[in-house]
Amino acid sequence: MFAARAPMQIYQGNDYTAAVVVSDSNGGSADLTDYTVAAQIRRGVADRNPDIILTIATSVTLPNIVNLSIANADTGTLIGPYMWDLQLTAPDGKVSTILRGPVEITRQITR
């Protein structure tokens, strides 16, 4: 399974939040009990750009919602271009990247 393309749109200097609803292979609600989630922003793919620009705060609201958040202090430093992805790790250790895409930064006006 390939990760779905999902551009992340951030307004520089604002708090960013998003909720990702995760479905199972049949289109029903996935059960994320005991899963761990991770999301990062980098300048490109990890093997070519090993420096992590930002680790996105993640949490799971059971049964199937992944919450993403970035504080305004962190978005204020972003200029871009960047890439991001979201990985789920099952209790048995199986890793699945479910979303990936560019990070689009809109430069702030008011400071």
Foldseek 3Di string as FASTA:
>chain_A
DDAAEDEAEEEQLAKDKDKDFDADPVRHGAAQVPKDKWKFKFQDDCVVTVDTLDTWDWDDDPGGMIMTIDHSVSSNPDDDFIKMWMWIAHPVGDIDIHYIYTYHYHYDDDD
